[in-house]
Amino acid sequence: METKLDGIGQGLTELGKDVSDHESRLRALERARWPLPSVAVLTAMGSLGVAVWTAAGR
C-alpha cells in the first residue's frame, strides 16, 4: 500500500511539472501573437488607402 501511495505522489509531481511547462509555453505563444486591435488598424489603413487611390481616379 505504501509503495502505491509513493507512486501516486511521484506521478502527481511529474504532472505538476508538465502543467507548469505547458503553462509557460502558452504564455510565450500569447505574447508572440499580434493583438486584434493592431490587425484591425492595419486593415482600416489599407482600406483607406485603396479608397483614396480609387477616388483619385486610378
PDB file of N, CA and C in Angstrom:
ATOM      1  N   MET A   1       0.822  -1.188   0.000  1.00  0.00           N
ATOM      2  CA  MET A   1       0.000   0.000   0.000  1.00  0.00           C
ATOM      3  C   MET A   1       0.870   1.257   0.000  1.00  0.00           C
ATOM      4  N   GLU A   2       1.928   1.247   0.765  1.00  0.00           N
ATOM      5  CA  GLU A   2       2.811   2.403   0.844  1.00  0.00           C
ATOM      6  C   GLU A   2       3.498   2.662  -0.499  1.00  0.00           C
ATOM      7  N   THR A   3       3.865   1.599  -1.192  1.00  0.00           N
ATOM      8  CA  THR A   3       4.519   1.721  -2.493  1.00  0.00           C
ATOM      9  C   THR A   3       3.579   2.369  -3.507  1.00  0.00           C
ATOM     10  N   LYS A   4       2.324   1.982  -3.453  1.00  0.00           N
ATOM     11  CA  LYS A   4       1.343   2.567  -4.370  1.00  0.00           C
ATOM     12  C   LYS A   4       1.161   4.057  -4.085  1.00  0.00           C
ATOM     13  N   LEU A   5       1.130   4.438  -2.830  1.00  0.00           N
ATOM     14  CA  LEU A   5       0.985   5.842  -2.480  1.00  0.00           C
ATOM     15  C   LEU A   5       2.208   6.648  -2.916  1.00  0.00           C
ATOM     16  N   ASP A   6       3.388   6.072  -2.782  1.00  0.00           N
ATOM     17  CA  ASP A   6       4.597   6.749  -3.246  1.00  0.00           C
ATOM     18  C   ASP A   6       4.561   6.948  -4.764  1.00  0.00           C
ATOM     19  N   GLY A   7       4.064   5.946  -5.475  1.00  0.00           N
ATOM     20  CA  GLY A   7       3.949   6.036  -6.933  1.00  0.00           C
ATOM     21  C   GLY A   7       2.974   7.113  -7.346  1.00  0.00           C
ATOM     22  N   ILE A   8       1.870   7.211  -6.621  1.00  0.00           N
ATOM     23  CA  ILE A   8       0.882   8.249  -6.918  1.00  0.00           C
ATOM     24  C   ILE A   8       1.476   9.630  -6.644  1.00  0.00           C
ATOM     25  N   GLY A   9       2.199   9.762  -5.554  1.00  0.00           N
ATOM     26  CA  GLY A   9       2.830  11.043  -5.228  1.00  0.00           C
ATOM     27  C   GLY A   9       3.831  11.464  -6.281  1.00  0.00           C
ATOM     28  N   GLN A  10       4.610  10.512  -6.764  1.00  0.00           N
ATOM     29  CA  GLN A  10       5.596  10.821  -7.811  1.00  0.00           C
ATOM     30  C   GLN A  10       4.883  11.213  -9.109  1.00  0.00           C
ATOM     31  N   GLY A  11       3.796  10.516  -9.418  1.00  0.00           N
ATOM     32  CA  GLY A  11       3.038  10.844 -10.622  1.00  0.00           C
ATOM     33  C   GLY A  11       2.461  12.243 -10.545  1.00  0.00           C
ATOM     34  N   LEU A  12       1.986  12.645  -9.376  1.00  0.00           N
ATOM     35  CA  LEU A  12       1.444  13.990  -9.216  1.00  0.00           C
ATOM     36  C   LEU A  12       2.532  15.054  -9.363  1.00  0.00           C
ATOM     37  N   THR A  13       3.726  14.741  -8.879  1.00  0.00           N
ATOM     38  CA  THR A  13       4.842  15.672  -9.019  1.00  0.00           C
ATOM     39  C   THR A  13       5.192  15.870 -10.497  1.00  0.00           C
ATOM     40  N   GLU A  14       5.247  14.772 -11.240  1.00  0.00           N
ATOM     41  CA  GLU A  14       5.550  14.855 -12.667  1.00  0.00           C
ATOM     42  C   GLU A  14       4.444  15.586 -13.416  1.00  0.00           C
ATOM     43  N   LEU A  15       3.205  15.356 -13.020  1.00  0.00           N
ATOM     44  CA  LEU A  15       2.079  16.043 -13.641  1.00  0.00           C
ATOM     45  C   LEU A  15       2.165  17.543 -13.392  1.00  0.00           C
ATOM     46  N   GLY A  16       2.543  17.931 -12.192  1.00  0.00           N
ATOM     47  CA  GLY A  16       2.710  19.352 -11.879  1.00  0.00           C
ATOM     48  C   GLY A  16       3.779  20.005 -12.736  1.00  0.00           C
ATOM     49  N   LYS A  17       4.875  19.279 -12.984  1.00  0.00           N
ATOM     50  CA  LYS A  17       5.940  19.809 -13.841  1.00  0.00           C
ATOM     51  C   LYS A  17       5.451  19.978 -15.281  1.00  0.00           C
ATOM     52  N   ASP A  18       4.673  18.994 -15.764  1.00  0.00           N
ATOM     53  CA  ASP A  18       4.137  19.077 -17.124  1.00  0.00           C
ATOM     54  C   ASP A  18       3.184  20.258 -17.273  1.00  0.00           C
ATOM     55  N   VAL A  19       2.322  20.445 -16.286  1.00  0.00           N
ATOM     56  CA  VAL A  19       1.374  21.555 -16.333  1.00  0.00           C
ATOM     57  C   VAL A  19       2.129  22.883 -16.329  1.00  0.00           C
ATOM     58  N   SER A  20       3.146  22.985 -15.519  1.00  0.00           N
ATOM     59  CA  SER A  20       3.948  24.209 -15.463  1.00  0.00           C
ATOM     60  C   SER A  20       4.624  24.476 -16.810  1.00  0.00           C
ATOM     61  N   ASP A  21       5.145  23.434 -17.432  1.00  0.00           N
ATOM     62  CA  ASP A  21       5.798  23.568 -18.732  1.00  0.00           C
ATOM     63  C   ASP A  21       4.799  24.024 -19.790  1.00  0.00           C
ATOM     64  N   HIS A  22       3.629  23.419 -19.813  1.00  0.00           N
ATOM     65  CA  HIS A  22       2.603  23.801 -20.783  1.00  0.00           C
ATOM     66  C   HIS A  22       2.140  25.238 -20.551  1.00  0.00           C
ATOM     67  N   GLU A  23       2.010  25.617 -19.299  1.00  0.00           N
ATOM     68  CA  GLU A  23       1.592  26.984 -18.975  1.00  0.00           C
ATOM     69  C   GLU A  23       2.607  27.996 -19.493  1.00  0.00           C
ATOM     70  N   SER A  24       3.884  27.720 -19.314  1.00  0.00           N
ATOM     71  CA  SER A  24       4.908  28.657 -19.794  1.00  0.00           C
ATOM     72  C   SER A  24       4.925  28.723 -21.317  1.00  0.00           C
ATOM     73  N   ARG A  25       4.686  27.614 -21.987  1.00  0.00           N
ATOM     74  CA  ARG A  25       4.632  27.621 -23.450  1.00  0.00           C
ATOM     75  C   ARG A  25       3.436  28.419 -23.952  1.00  0.00           C
ATOM     76  N   LEU A  26       2.290  28.249 -23.314  1.00  0.00           N
ATOM     77  CA  LEU A  26       1.108  29.009 -23.710  1.00  0.00           C
ATOM     78  C   LEU A  26       1.312  30.508 -23.518  1.00  0.00           C
ATOM     79  N   ARG A  27       1.926  30.883 -22.412  1.00  0.00           N
ATOM     80  CA  ARG A  27       2.183  32.314 -22.160  1.00  0.00           C
ATOM     81  C   ARG A  27       3.106  32.890 -23.230  1.00  0.00           C
ATOM     82  N   ALA A  28       4.112  32.121 -23.641  1.00  0.00           N
ATOM     83  CA  ALA A  28       5.032  32.589 -24.683  1.00  0.00           C
ATOM     84  C   ALA A  28       4.296  32.774 -26.012  1.00  0.00           C
ATOM     85  N   LEU A  29       3.388  31.854 -26.346  1.00  0.00           N
ATOM     86  CA  LEU A  29       2.610  31.984 -27.578  1.00  0.00           C
ATOM     87  C   LEU A  29       1.674  33.182 -27.522  1.00  0.00           C
ATOM     88  N   GLU A  30       1.083  33.420 -26.371  1.00  0.00           N
ATOM     89  CA  GLU A  30       0.178  34.557 -26.229  1.00  0.00           C
ATOM     90  C   GLU A  30       0.924  35.880 -26.377  1.00  0.00           C
ATOM     91  N   ARG A  31       2.150  35.958 -25.888  1.00  0.00           N
ATOM     92  CA  ARG A  31       2.934  37.187 -26.023  1.00  0.00           C
ATOM     93  C   ARG A  31       3.364  37.415 -27.465  1.00  0.00           C
ATOM     94  N   ALA A  32       3.559  36.338 -28.220  1.00  0.00           N
ATOM     95  CA  ALA A  32       4.091  36.445 -29.576  1.00  0.00           C
ATOM     96  C   ALA A  32       3.026  36.790 -30.612  1.00  0.00           C
ATOM     97  N   ARG A  33       1.768  36.578 -30.323  1.00  0.00           N
ATOM     98  CA  ARG A  33       0.742  36.828 -31.340  1.00  0.00           C
ATOM     99  C   ARG A  33       0.382  38.304 -31.411  1.00  0.00           C
ATOM    100  N   TRP A  34      -0.099  38.723 -32.567  1.00  0.00           N
ATOM    101  CA  TRP A  34      -0.499  40.109 -32.760  1.00  0.00           C
ATOM    102  C   TRP A  34      -1.827  40.339 -32.067  1.00  0.00           C
ATOM    103  N   PRO A  35      -1.958  41.439 -31.395  1.00  0.00           N
ATOM    104  CA  PRO A  35      -3.261  41.746 -30.800  1.00  0.00           C
ATOM    105  C   PRO A  35      -4.272  42.130 -31.884  1.00  0.00           C
ATOM    106  N   LEU A  36      -5.489  41.783 -31.664  1.00  0.00           N
ATOM    107  CA  LEU A  36      -6.548  42.021 -32.644  1.00  0.00           C
ATOM    108  C   LEU A  36      -6.716  43.494 -33.009  1.00  0.00           C
ATOM    109  N   PRO A  37      -6.639  44.438 -32.082  1.00  0.00           N
ATOM    110  CA  PRO A  37      -6.774  45.846 -32.479  1.00  0.00           C
ATOM    111  C   PRO A  37      -5.712  46.292 -33.486  1.00  0.00           C
ATOM    112  N   SER A  38      -4.517  45.776 -33.383  1.00  0.00           N
ATOM    113  CA  SER A  38      -3.465  46.146 -34.340  1.00  0.00           C
ATOM    114  C   SER A  38      -3.820  45.672 -35.741  1.00  0.00           C
ATOM    115  N   VAL A  39      -4.337  44.481 -35.852  1.00  0.00           N
ATOM    116  CA  VAL A  39      -4.740  43.951 -37.151  1.00  0.00           C
ATOM    117  C   VAL A  39      -5.892  44.783 -37.711  1.00  0.00           C
ATOM    118  N   ALA A  40      -6.819  45.184 -36.857  1.00  0.00           N
ATOM    119  CA  ALA A  40      -7.953  46.000 -37.300  1.00  0.00           C
ATOM    120  C   ALA A  40      -7.477  47.354 -37.827  1.00  0.00           C
ATOM    121  N   VAL A  41      -6.518  47.963 -37.155  1.00  0.00           N
ATOM    122  CA  VAL A  41      -5.986  49.256 -37.605  1.00  0.00           C
ATOM    123  C   VAL A  41      -5.279  49.103 -38.945  1.00  0.00           C
ATOM    124  N   LEU A  42      -4.486  48.062 -39.102  1.00  0.00           N
ATOM    125  CA  LEU A  42      -3.798  47.846 -40.377  1.00  0.00           C
ATOM    126  C   LEU A  42      -4.785  47.620 -41.513  1.00  0.00           C
ATOM    127  N   THR A  43      -5.845  46.882 -41.259  1.00  0.00           N
ATOM    128  CA  THR A  43      -6.869  46.635 -42.270  1.00  0.00           C
ATOM    129  C   THR A  43      -7.587  47.932 -42.639  1.00  0.00           C
ATOM    130  N   ALA A  44      -7.909  48.734 -41.636  1.00  0.00           N
ATOM    131  CA  ALA A  44      -8.578  50.008 -41.888  1.00  0.00           C
ATOM    132  C   ALA A  44      -7.689  50.944 -42.697  1.00  0.00           C
ATOM    133  N   MET A  45      -6.411  50.981 -42.363  1.00  0.00           N
ATOM    134  CA  MET A  45      -5.487  51.847 -43.100  1.00  0.00           C
ATOM    135  C   MET A  45      -5.356  51.386 -44.549  1.00  0.00           C
ATOM    136  N   GLY A  46      -5.310  50.089 -44.767  1.00  0.00           N
ATOM    137  CA  GLY A  46      -5.247  49.565 -46.129  1.00  0.00           C
ATOM    138  C   GLY A  46      -6.499  49.904 -46.920  1.00  0.00           C
ATOM    139  N   SER A  47      -7.653  49.766 -46.294  1.00  0.00           N
ATOM    140  CA  SER A  47      -8.920  50.109 -46.952  1.00  0.00           C
ATOM    141  C   SER A  47      -8.986  51.595 -47.278  1.00  0.00           C
ATOM    142  N   LEU A  48      -8.521  52.426 -46.370  1.00  0.00           N
ATOM    143  CA  LEU A  48      -8.496  53.865 -46.611  1.00  0.00           C
ATOM    144  C   LEU A  48      -7.582  54.199 -47.788  1.00  0.00           C
ATOM    145  N   GLY A  49      -6.449  53.558 -47.824  1.00  0.00           N
ATOM    146  CA  GLY A  49      -5.515  53.782 -48.934  1.00  0.00           C
ATOM    147  C   GLY A  49      -6.118  53.397 -50.273  1.00  0.00           C
ATOM    148  N   VAL A  50      -6.818  52.265 -50.329  1.00  0.00           N
ATOM    149  CA  VAL A  50      -7.459  51.834 -51.574  1.00  0.00           C
ATOM    150  C   VAL A  50      -8.570  52.798 -51.955  1.00  0.00           C
ATOM    151  N   ALA A  51      -9.338  53.278 -50.977  1.00  0.00           N
ATOM    152  CA  ALA A  51     -10.429  54.220 -51.254  1.00  0.00           C
ATOM    153  C   ALA A  51      -9.883  55.538 -51.798  1.00  0.00           C
ATOM    154  N   VAL A  52      -8.815  56.037 -51.212  1.00  0.00           N
ATOM    155  CA  VAL A  52      -8.218  57.291 -51.689  1.00  0.00           C
ATOM    156  C   VAL A  52      -7.650  57.104 -53.079  1.00  0.00           C
ATOM    157  N   TRP A  53      -6.998  55.995 -53.313  1.00  0.00           N
ATOM    158  CA  TRP A  53      -6.417  55.702 -54.628  1.00  0.00           C
ATOM    159  C   TRP A  53      -7.512  55.612 -55.691  1.00  0.00           C
ATOM    160  N   THR A  54      -8.630  54.952 -55.347  1.00  0.00           N
ATOM    161  CA  THR A  54      -9.747  54.839 -56.273  1.00  0.00           C
ATOM    162  C   THR A  54     -10.397  56.205 -56.531  1.00  0.00           C
ATOM    163  N   ALA A  55     -10.534  57.007 -55.468  1.00  0.00           N
ATOM    164  CA  ALA A  55     -11.146  58.328 -55.626  1.00  0.00           C
ATOM    165  C   ALA A  55     -10.259  59.263 -56.454  1.00  0.00           C
ATOM    166  N   ALA A  56      -8.978  59.024 -56.457  1.00  0.00           N
ATOM    167  CA  ALA A  56      -8.050  59.878 -57.197  1.00  0.00           C
ATOM    168  C   ALA A  56      -8.084  59.546 -58.700  1.00  0.00           C
ATOM    169  N   GLY A  57      -8.849  58.555 -59.071  1.00  0.00           N
ATOM    170  CA  GLY A  57      -9.008  58.241 -60.494  1.00  0.00           C
ATOM    171  C   GLY A  57      -8.141  57.118 -60.988  1.00  0.00           C
ATOM    172  N   ARG A  58      -7.563  56.367 -60.135  1.00  0.00           N
ATOM    173  CA  ARG A  58      -6.695  55.259 -60.559  1.00  0.00           C
ATOM    174  C   ARG A  58      -7.469  53.988 -60.681  1.00  0.00           C
TER     175      ARG A  58
END
